Amino acid sequence: MNDKAPVARGWFQKADSDLAAGNVLLTSGGPFDSACFHAQQAVEKYLKGILTLAGSQFPFTHNLEQLQQIGEANIPGWPFKALALDELTSYAVQIRYDFEFWPDQETAAQALELAEEVRSRTMKFAPEDAHPRKRVSEPSV
């Protein structure tokens, strides 16, 4: 077993938790800014899990473009090249303190769809021993 797999699995499990929380918020009528925040957090954690598996160092950051650049430069076959992940970066911090920005349900749905795509690509790219043992389920609302 890859000794980095348990750490990556931890990142992926936390990402799945964020994805589940975002989907609960989306389907229950909001708040949609929080759903966007969870989408960003999920993507960040999936990327950090893949970087961990590859042994790539990354800074403490919420900047998805920066993580994307590190992955593209260091990991052959980086699975997220064609995705515009940088659009989600502002949802990490800026959205939490911008009192003028209130995304609608469609915006939150798009953010979560992108996070689901990142999850799908992550699970295809990561070795089986790094996969979460069980995907976090969304509670019925």
C-alpha atoms as a PDB file:
ATOM      1  CA  MET A   1       0.000   0.000   0.000  1.00  0.00           C
ATOM      2  CA  ASN A   2       1.163   3.517  -0.828  1.00  0.00           C
ATOM      3  CA  ASP A   3       2.135   5.146   2.509  1.00  0.00           C
ATOM      4  CA  LYS A   4       0.611   8.420   1.270  1.00  0.00           C
ATOM      5  CA  ALA A   5      -2.725   6.738   0.602  1.00  0.00           C
ATOM      6  CA  PRO A   6      -4.145   7.093   4.140  1.00  0.00           C
ATOM      7  CA  VAL A   7      -3.407  10.825   4.170  1.00  0.00           C
ATOM      8  CA  ALA A   8      -4.907  11.281   0.705  1.00  0.00           C
ATOM      9  CA  ARG A   9      -7.924   9.222   1.788  1.00  0.00           C
ATOM     10  CA  GLY A  10      -8.384  11.644   4.690  1.00  0.00           C
ATOM     11  CA  TRP A  11      -8.380  14.583   2.280  1.00  0.00           C
ATOM     12  CA  PHE A  12     -10.907  12.789   0.059  1.00  0.00           C
ATOM     13  CA  GLN A  13     -13.192  11.913   2.969  1.00  0.00           C
ATOM     14  CA  LYS A  14     -13.220  15.524   4.158  1.00  0.00           C
ATOM     15  CA  ALA A  15     -13.886  16.630   0.571  1.00  0.00           C
ATOM     16  CA  ASP A  16     -16.806  14.207   0.345  1.00  0.00           C
ATOM     17  CA  SER A  17     -18.164  15.683   3.575  1.00  0.00           C
ATOM     18  CA  ASP A  18     -17.993  19.203   2.131  1.00  0.00           C
ATOM     19  CA  LEU A  19     -19.681  18.015  -1.053  1.00  0.00           C
ATOM     20  CA  ALA A  20     -22.478  16.383   0.917  1.00  0.00           C
ATOM     21  CA  ALA A  21     -22.986  19.539   3.025  1.00  0.00           C
ATOM     22  CA  GLY A  22     -23.118  21.707  -0.091  1.00  0.00           C
ATOM     23  CA  ASN A  23     -25.699  19.443  -1.705  1.00  0.00           C
ATOM     24  CA  VAL A  24     -27.869  19.485   1.415  1.00  0.00           C
ATOM     25  CA  LEU A  25     -27.812  23.282   1.359  1.00  0.00           C
ATOM     26  CA  LEU A  26     -28.576  23.344  -2.353  1.00  0.00           C
ATOM     27  CA  THR A  27     -31.570  21.042  -2.134  1.00  0.00           C
ATOM     28  CA  SER A  28     -32.981  22.577   1.035  1.00  0.00           C
ATOM     29  CA  GLY A  29     -33.133  26.127  -0.281  1.00  0.00           C
ATOM     30  CA  GLY A  30     -29.839  27.533   0.934  1.00  0.00           C
ATOM     31  CA  PRO A  31     -28.039  29.404   2.141  1.00  0.00           C
ATOM     32  CA  PHE A  32     -26.431  29.308  -1.295  1.00  0.00           C
ATOM     33  CA  ASP A  33     -23.299  31.236  -0.319  1.00  0.00           C
ATOM     34  CA  SER A  34     -22.511  28.431   2.118  1.00  0.00           C
ATOM     35  CA  ALA A  35     -23.180  25.837  -0.594  1.00  0.00           C
ATOM     36  CA  CYS A  36     -20.632  27.633  -2.812  1.00  0.00           C
ATOM     37  CA  PHE A  37     -18.155  27.687   0.079  1.00  0.00           C
ATOM     38  CA  HIS A  38     -18.488  23.922   0.533  1.00  0.00           C
ATOM     39  CA  ALA A  39     -18.032  23.360  -3.225  1.00  0.00           C
ATOM     40  CA  GLN A  40     -14.751  25.291  -3.115  1.00  0.00           C
ATOM     41  CA  GLN A  41     -13.613  23.446  -0.007  1.00  0.00           C
ATOM     42  CA  ALA A  42     -14.354  20.072  -1.597  1.00  0.00           C
ATOM     43  CA  VAL A  43     -12.352  20.902  -4.718  1.00  0.00           C
ATOM     44  CA  GLU A  44      -9.456  22.229  -2.647  1.00  0.00           C
ATOM     45  CA  LYS A  45      -9.315  18.998  -0.639  1.00  0.00           C
ATOM     46  CA  TYR A  46      -9.545  16.724  -3.694  1.00  0.00           C
ATOM     47  CA  LEU A  47      -6.618  18.611  -5.261  1.00  0.00           C
ATOM     48  CA  LYS A  48      -4.578  18.464  -2.065  1.00  0.00           C
ATOM     49  CA  GLY A  49      -5.248  14.729  -1.834  1.00  0.00           C
ATOM     50  CA  ILE A  50      -3.923  14.143  -5.347  1.00  0.00           C
ATOM     51  CA  LEU A  51      -0.901  16.359  -4.641  1.00  0.00           C
ATOM     52  CA  THR A  52      -0.276  14.367  -1.451  1.00  0.00           C
ATOM     53  CA  LEU A  53      -0.340  11.076  -3.363  1.00  0.00           C
ATOM     54  CA  ALA A  54       2.256  12.429  -5.771  1.00  0.00           C
ATOM     55  CA  GLY A  55       4.477  13.698  -2.981  1.00  0.00           C
ATOM     56  CA  SER A  56       4.113  17.277  -4.223  1.00  0.00           C
ATOM     57  CA  GLN A  57       4.560  20.009  -1.669  1.00  0.00           C
ATOM     58  CA  PHE A  58       1.887  22.687  -1.552  1.00  0.00           C
ATOM     59  CA  PRO A  59       1.467  25.820   0.542  1.00  0.00           C
ATOM     60  CA  PHE A  60      -1.295  26.559   2.999  1.00  0.00           C
ATOM     61  CA  THR A  61      -3.670  28.148   0.510  1.00  0.00           C
ATOM     62  CA  HIS A  62      -7.259  28.226  -0.647  1.00  0.00           C
ATOM     63  CA  ASN A  63      -6.161  29.380  -4.112  1.00  0.00           C
ATOM     64  CA  LEU A  64      -7.271  26.674  -6.533  1.00  0.00           C
ATOM     65  CA  GLU A  65      -5.370  28.228  -9.441  1.00  0.00           C
ATOM     66  CA  GLN A  66      -2.140  27.937  -7.448  1.00  0.00           C
ATOM     67  CA  LEU A  67      -2.870  24.286  -6.607  1.00  0.00           C
ATOM     68  CA  GLN A  68      -3.756  23.682 -10.253  1.00  0.00           C
ATOM     69  CA  GLN A  69      -0.400  25.121 -11.372  1.00  0.00           C
ATOM     70  CA  ILE A  70       1.524  22.959  -8.894  1.00  0.00           C
ATOM     71  CA  GLY A  71      -0.275  19.859 -10.117  1.00  0.00           C
ATOM     72  CA  GLU A  72       0.198  20.650 -13.806  1.00  0.00           C
ATOM     73  CA  ALA A  73       3.919  21.283 -13.255  1.00  0.00           C
ATOM     74  CA  ASN A  74       4.595  18.180 -11.165  1.00  0.00           C
ATOM     75  CA  ILE A  75       2.123  15.425 -11.952  1.00  0.00           C
ATOM     76  CA  PRO A  76       2.057  13.700 -15.340  1.00  0.00           C
ATOM     77  CA  GLY A  77      -1.503  13.246 -16.520  1.00  0.00           C
ATOM     78  CA  TRP A  78      -2.876  15.884 -14.111  1.00  0.00           C
ATOM     79  CA  PRO A  79      -6.600  15.158 -14.459  1.00  0.00           C
ATOM     80  CA  PHE A  80      -7.965  18.683 -13.947  1.00  0.00           C
ATOM     81  CA  LYS A  81      -6.217  20.595 -16.773  1.00  0.00           C
ATOM     82  CA  ALA A  82      -9.314  21.536 -18.740  1.00  0.00           C
ATOM     83  CA  LEU A  83     -11.357  22.634 -15.720  1.00  0.00           C
ATOM     84  CA  ALA A  84     -11.739  26.321 -14.802  1.00  0.00           C
ATOM     85  CA  LEU A  85     -11.280  25.783 -11.072  1.00  0.00           C
ATOM     86  CA  ASP A  86     -10.052  29.305 -10.370  1.00  0.00           C
ATOM     87  CA  GLU A  87     -13.663  30.526 -10.559  1.00  0.00           C
ATOM     88  CA  LEU A  88     -14.303  28.770  -7.250  1.00  0.00           C
ATOM     89  CA  THR A  89     -11.350  30.316  -5.400  1.00  0.00           C
ATOM     90  CA  SER A  90     -13.286  33.410  -4.319  1.00  0.00           C
ATOM     91  CA  TYR A  91     -15.818  31.186  -2.553  1.00  0.00           C
ATOM     92  CA  ALA A  92     -13.210  30.157   0.031  1.00  0.00           C
ATOM     93  CA  VAL A  93     -12.759  33.449   1.832  1.00  0.00           C
ATOM     94  CA  GLN A  94     -14.056  36.410  -0.147  1.00  0.00           C
ATOM     95  CA  ILE A  95     -17.626  35.124  -0.332  1.00  0.00           C
ATOM     96  CA  ARG A  96     -17.679  34.623   3.420  1.00  0.00           C
ATOM     97  CA  TYR A  97     -17.058  38.328   4.060  1.00  0.00           C
ATOM     98  CA  ASP A  98     -18.543  40.035   0.995  1.00  0.00           C
ATOM     99  CA  PHE A  99     -21.834  41.377   2.290  1.00  0.00           C
ATOM    100  CA  GLU A 100     -22.975  42.229  -1.234  1.00  0.00           C
ATOM    101  CA  PHE A 101     -22.553  38.808  -2.820  1.00  0.00           C
ATOM    102  CA  TRP A 102     -25.494  36.465  -2.469  1.00  0.00           C
ATOM    103  CA  PRO A 103     -25.338  33.711  -5.084  1.00  0.00           C
ATOM    104  CA  ASP A 104     -28.555  32.202  -6.313  1.00  0.00           C
ATOM    105  CA  GLN A 105     -29.432  28.518  -6.470  1.00  0.00           C
ATOM    106  CA  GLU A 106     -28.189  28.188 -10.053  1.00  0.00           C
ATOM    107  CA  THR A 107     -24.758  29.567  -9.119  1.00  0.00           C
ATOM    108  CA  ALA A 108     -24.517  27.146  -6.207  1.00  0.00           C
ATOM    109  CA  ALA A 109     -25.634  24.261  -8.423  1.00  0.00           C
ATOM    110  CA  GLN A 110     -22.926  25.070 -10.979  1.00  0.00           C
ATOM    111  CA  ALA A 111     -20.274  25.232  -8.260  1.00  0.00           C
ATOM    112  CA  LEU A 112     -21.365  21.863  -6.878  1.00  0.00           C
ATOM    113  CA  GLU A 113     -21.509  20.305 -10.359  1.00  0.00           C
ATOM    114  CA  LEU A 114     -17.899  21.351 -10.865  1.00  0.00           C
ATOM    115  CA  ALA A 115     -16.985  19.864  -7.488  1.00  0.00           C
ATOM    116  CA  GLU A 116     -18.706  16.591  -8.475  1.00  0.00           C
ATOM    117  CA  GLU A 117     -16.685  16.541 -11.718  1.00  0.00           C
ATOM    118  CA  VAL A 118     -13.488  17.053  -9.740  1.00  0.00           C
ATOM    119  CA  ARG A 119     -14.496  14.185  -7.447  1.00  0.00           C
ATOM    120  CA  SER A 120     -15.161  11.918 -10.407  1.00  0.00           C
ATOM    121  CA  ARG A 121     -11.789  12.686 -11.979  1.00  0.00           C
ATOM    122  CA  THR A 122     -10.074  12.314  -8.609  1.00  0.00           C
ATOM    123  CA  MET A 123     -11.469   8.828  -8.055  1.00  0.00           C
ATOM    124  CA  LYS A 124     -10.459   7.761 -11.578  1.00  0.00           C
ATOM    125  CA  PHE A 125      -6.929   9.103 -11.085  1.00  0.00           C
ATOM    126  CA  ALA A 126      -6.253   8.012  -7.501  1.00  0.00           C
ATOM    127  CA  PRO A 127      -5.303   4.425  -6.730  1.00  0.00           C
ATOM    128  CA  GLU A 128      -7.995   2.311  -5.128  1.00  0.00           C
ATOM    129  CA  ASP A 129      -6.205   2.174  -1.761  1.00  0.00           C
ATOM    130  CA  ALA A 130      -6.592   5.956  -1.449  1.00  0.00           C
ATOM    131  CA  HIS A 131     -10.325   6.002  -2.109  1.00  0.00           C
ATOM    132  CA  PRO A 132     -12.639   6.823   0.783  1.00  0.00           C
ATOM    133  CA  ARG A 133     -13.921   3.643   2.347  1.00  0.00           C
ATOM    134  CA  LYS A 134     -17.451   4.985   2.179  1.00  0.00           C
ATOM    135  CA  ARG A 135     -18.772   8.123   0.554  1.00  0.00           C
ATOM    136  CA  VAL A 136     -20.357  10.504   3.009  1.00  0.00           C
ATOM    137  CA  SER A 137     -24.071  10.271   2.448  1.00  0.00           C
ATOM    138  CA  GLU A 138     -26.401  13.179   2.453  1.00  0.00           C
ATOM    139  CA  PRO A 139     -29.058  13.045   5.147  1.00  0.00           C
ATOM    140  CA  SER A 140     -32.607  13.026   3.887  1.00  0.00           C
ATOM    141  CA  VAL A 141     -34.218  16.403   4.323  1.00  0.00           C
END
